Amino acid sequence: MRPLTEPEIRAAFVNCTKGAAKRLPVPNDLADHPWADLDYFGWRDPQSSERAYLVADLDTGPTALTLRRPTAGPAIPRRGMCSICVTPHTGGVSLMVAPKAGRAGQQGNSVGVHICDDLACSLYARGKRSPRGGARLHESITTEERVGRTVANIAEFIQRVRA
């Protein structure tokens, strides 16, 4: 993924208003992230553990989403698998919900995905980060194939939000 600037990221949001995109927190340390190893850039809202954001540089250009974790009481560490990078974690996967883009989102429609809590799917797919619980699935596919699967899964999720 190519490095993105704060204005590019803010302009890329498809499921919130331009005003909301201007107000949401974008990390100040964009230059410090491993852009070459990222298929999408994701971050948590420092003021709310329920909010997160991600941006992917797709064929059509950068596309960003707002996400939220439904509140359902105290979290109990459970084994789960990320739907984006297919990495199993113990207590490291959350259901994140994205309002749909456009009129559907304004009417309250949303799309959910089970995703790594730290939004570091790209690093898990490349073997640069180990999952919580330390157990990694043995797969007979190459790193490039895992990366391709991660890219396809994030693109499909973004498409579901835009549809």
Protein backbone atom coordinates (compact mmCIF):
# COMPACT_ATOMS: atom_id res chain seq x y z
CA MET A 1 0.00 0.00 0.00
CA ARG A 2 1.31 3.45 -0.78
CA PRO A 3 1.65 5.95 2.08
CA LEU A 4 -1.43 8.13 2.49
CA THR A 5 -1.65 11.65 3.86
CA GLU A 6 -4.17 12.89 6.40
CA PRO A 7 -6.13 14.88 3.74
CA GLU A 8 -6.26 11.80 1.47
CA ILE A 9 -7.55 9.67 4.34
CA ARG A 10 -10.20 12.20 5.40
CA ALA A 11 -11.42 12.58 1.79
CA ALA A 12 -11.70 8.78 1.37
CA PHE A 13 -14.48 8.11 3.93
CA VAL A 14 -17.58 6.71 2.25
CA ASN A 15 -19.83 5.91 5.23
CA CYS A 16 -19.87 9.17 7.18
CA THR A 17 -20.45 12.82 6.41
CA LYS A 18 -17.64 15.12 5.31
CA GLY A 19 -18.03 16.98 8.61
CA ALA A 20 -17.65 13.78 10.61
CA ALA A 21 -14.59 12.82 8.54
CA LYS A 22 -13.02 16.20 9.34
CA ARG A 23 -13.54 15.66 13.09
CA LEU A 24 -12.45 12.04 13.51
CA PRO A 25 -8.96 11.37 14.89
CA VAL A 26 -6.33 10.44 12.30
CA PRO A 27 -2.97 9.30 13.76
CA ASN A 28 -0.24 11.95 13.77
CA ASP A 29 2.49 9.40 13.08
CA LEU A 30 1.44 8.35 9.56
CA ALA A 31 5.03 8.40 8.30
CA ASP A 32 6.05 5.84 10.95
CA HIS A 33 3.75 3.04 9.75
CA PRO A 34 5.04 0.10 7.64
CA TRP A 35 3.06 1.10 4.52
CA ALA A 36 4.87 -1.41 2.29
CA ASP A 37 3.57 -4.24 4.50
CA LEU A 38 -0.02 -2.97 4.72
CA ASP A 39 -3.00 -4.02 2.63
CA TYR A 40 -5.11 -1.52 4.54
CA PHE A 41 -4.35 0.93 7.33
CA GLY A 42 -6.50 0.59 10.43
CA TRP A 43 -6.53 2.42 13.75
CA ARG A 44 -8.56 2.68 16.93
CA ASP A 45 -10.10 5.89 18.20
CA PRO A 46 -7.96 6.91 21.19
CA GLN A 47 -11.03 8.34 22.96
CA SER A 48 -13.34 5.36 22.48
CA SER A 49 -12.46 1.66 22.37
CA GLU A 50 -15.73 1.05 20.50
CA ARG A 51 -14.69 3.12 17.44
CA ALA A 52 -12.14 2.26 14.77
CA TYR A 53 -11.32 3.29 11.23
CA LEU A 54 -9.69 1.73 8.21
CA VAL A 55 -8.57 2.88 4.78
CA ALA A 56 -7.58 0.72 1.80
CA ASP A 57 -6.04 1.90 -1.43
CA LEU A 58 -8.14 -0.05 -3.91
CA ASP A 59 -8.12 0.05 -7.73
CA THR A 60 -10.58 2.96 -7.53
CA GLY A 61 -8.37 4.89 -5.08
CA PRO A 62 -8.38 5.20 -1.30
CA THR A 63 -11.59 4.14 0.44
CA ALA A 64 -12.05 4.64 4.18
CA LEU A 65 -14.66 3.31 6.62
CA THR A 66 -15.81 4.14 10.11
CA LEU A 67 -16.33 1.08 12.31
CA ARG A 68 -17.80 0.49 15.73
CA ARG A 69 -17.84 -2.42 18.10
CA PRO A 70 -21.30 -3.16 19.48
CA THR A 71 -21.40 -2.82 23.25
CA ALA A 72 -22.59 -5.99 24.91
CA GLY A 73 -21.23 -5.95 28.42
CA PRO A 74 -17.89 -7.20 29.69
CA ALA A 75 -15.64 -8.86 27.15
CA ILE A 76 -14.83 -12.50 27.80
CA PRO A 77 -11.66 -13.71 26.04
CA ARG A 78 -12.80 -16.31 23.54
CA ARG A 79 -11.08 -18.00 20.69
CA GLY A 80 -12.07 -16.40 17.42
CA MET A 81 -10.92 -16.13 13.83
CA CYS A 82 -10.55 -12.95 11.80
CA SER A 83 -12.66 -12.98 8.64
CA ILE A 84 -10.15 -10.76 6.83
CA CYS A 85 -6.77 -12.46 7.37
CA VAL A 86 -8.09 -15.82 8.68
CA THR A 87 -5.91 -15.64 11.80
CA PRO A 88 -7.15 -17.33 14.99
CA HIS A 89 -6.78 -15.40 18.25
CA THR A 90 -7.69 -15.92 21.88
CA GLY A 91 -9.55 -12.75 22.79
CA GLY A 92 -8.11 -10.83 19.84
CA VAL A 93 -11.03 -10.70 17.39
CA SER A 94 -14.02 -8.36 17.55
CA LEU A 95 -17.20 -7.96 15.61
CA MET A 96 -16.90 -4.53 14.00
CA VAL A 97 -19.88 -2.92 12.32
CA ALA A 98 -19.70 -0.36 9.53
CA PRO A 99 -22.68 1.80 8.60
CA LYS A 100 -23.51 1.29 4.95
CA ALA A 101 -22.65 4.12 2.59
CA GLY A 102 -25.29 6.54 1.33
CA ARG A 103 -29.01 6.37 1.97
CA ALA A 104 -28.89 2.81 3.35
CA GLY A 105 -26.50 3.93 6.09
CA GLN A 106 -28.63 6.96 6.86
CA GLN A 107 -31.52 4.57 7.42
CA GLY A 108 -29.44 2.61 9.95
CA ASN A 109 -28.30 -0.31 7.79
CA SER A 110 -24.85 -1.71 8.52
CA VAL A 111 -22.46 -4.52 7.66
CA GLY A 112 -20.42 -6.48 10.20
CA VAL A 113 -17.14 -8.36 10.09
CA HIS A 114 -15.06 -10.28 12.62
CA ILE A 115 -11.65 -8.60 12.46
CA CYS A 116 -8.40 -8.53 14.43
CA ASP A 117 -8.75 -6.18 17.43
CA ASP A 118 -5.52 -4.41 16.55
CA LEU A 119 -6.48 -4.10 12.86
CA ALA A 120 -3.09 -5.57 11.90
CA CYS A 121 -4.35 -8.25 9.49
CA SER A 122 -1.65 -7.38 6.95
CA LEU A 123 1.10 -8.13 9.46
CA TYR A 124 -0.52 -11.44 10.52
CA ALA A 125 -0.89 -12.50 6.88
CA ARG A 126 2.82 -11.80 6.29
CA GLY A 127 3.91 -13.58 9.50
CA LYS A 128 5.32 -10.32 10.92
CA ARG A 129 3.11 -10.44 13.99
CA SER A 130 2.01 -13.43 16.08
CA PRO A 131 -1.63 -13.86 17.12
CA ARG A 132 -2.80 -13.81 20.71
CA GLY A 133 -2.62 -17.25 22.15
CA GLY A 134 0.37 -17.97 19.92
CA ALA A 135 -1.40 -20.59 17.80
CA ARG A 136 -1.08 -20.06 14.07
CA LEU A 137 -2.98 -22.20 11.60
CA HIS A 138 -0.86 -24.42 9.44
CA GLU A 139 -1.78 -23.55 5.88
CA SER A 140 -0.44 -25.01 2.68
CA ILE A 141 -0.60 -21.67 0.86
CA THR A 142 2.26 -19.21 0.39
CA THR A 143 2.63 -15.86 2.08
CA GLU A 144 1.73 -14.18 -1.23
CA GLU A 145 -1.49 -16.22 -1.38
CA ARG A 146 -2.33 -15.26 2.24
CA VAL A 147 -1.74 -11.61 1.36
CA GLY A 148 -3.92 -11.97 -1.76
CA ARG A 149 -6.69 -13.51 0.35
CA THR A 150 -6.45 -10.63 2.86
CA VAL A 151 -6.64 -8.05 0.04
CA ALA A 152 -9.65 -9.82 -1.51
CA ASN A 153 -11.44 -10.08 1.85
CA ILE A 154 -10.96 -6.41 2.77
CA ALA A 155 -12.05 -5.34 -0.74
CA GLU A 156 -15.16 -7.53 -0.47
CA PHE A 157 -16.03 -6.04 2.93
CA ILE A 158 -15.61 -2.51 1.60
CA GLN A 159 -17.78 -3.40 -1.40
CA ARG A 160 -20.52 -4.69 0.94
CA VAL A 161 -20.43 -1.36 2.80
CA ARG A 162 -20.63 0.61 -0.47
CA ALA A 163 -23.46 -1.52 -1.95
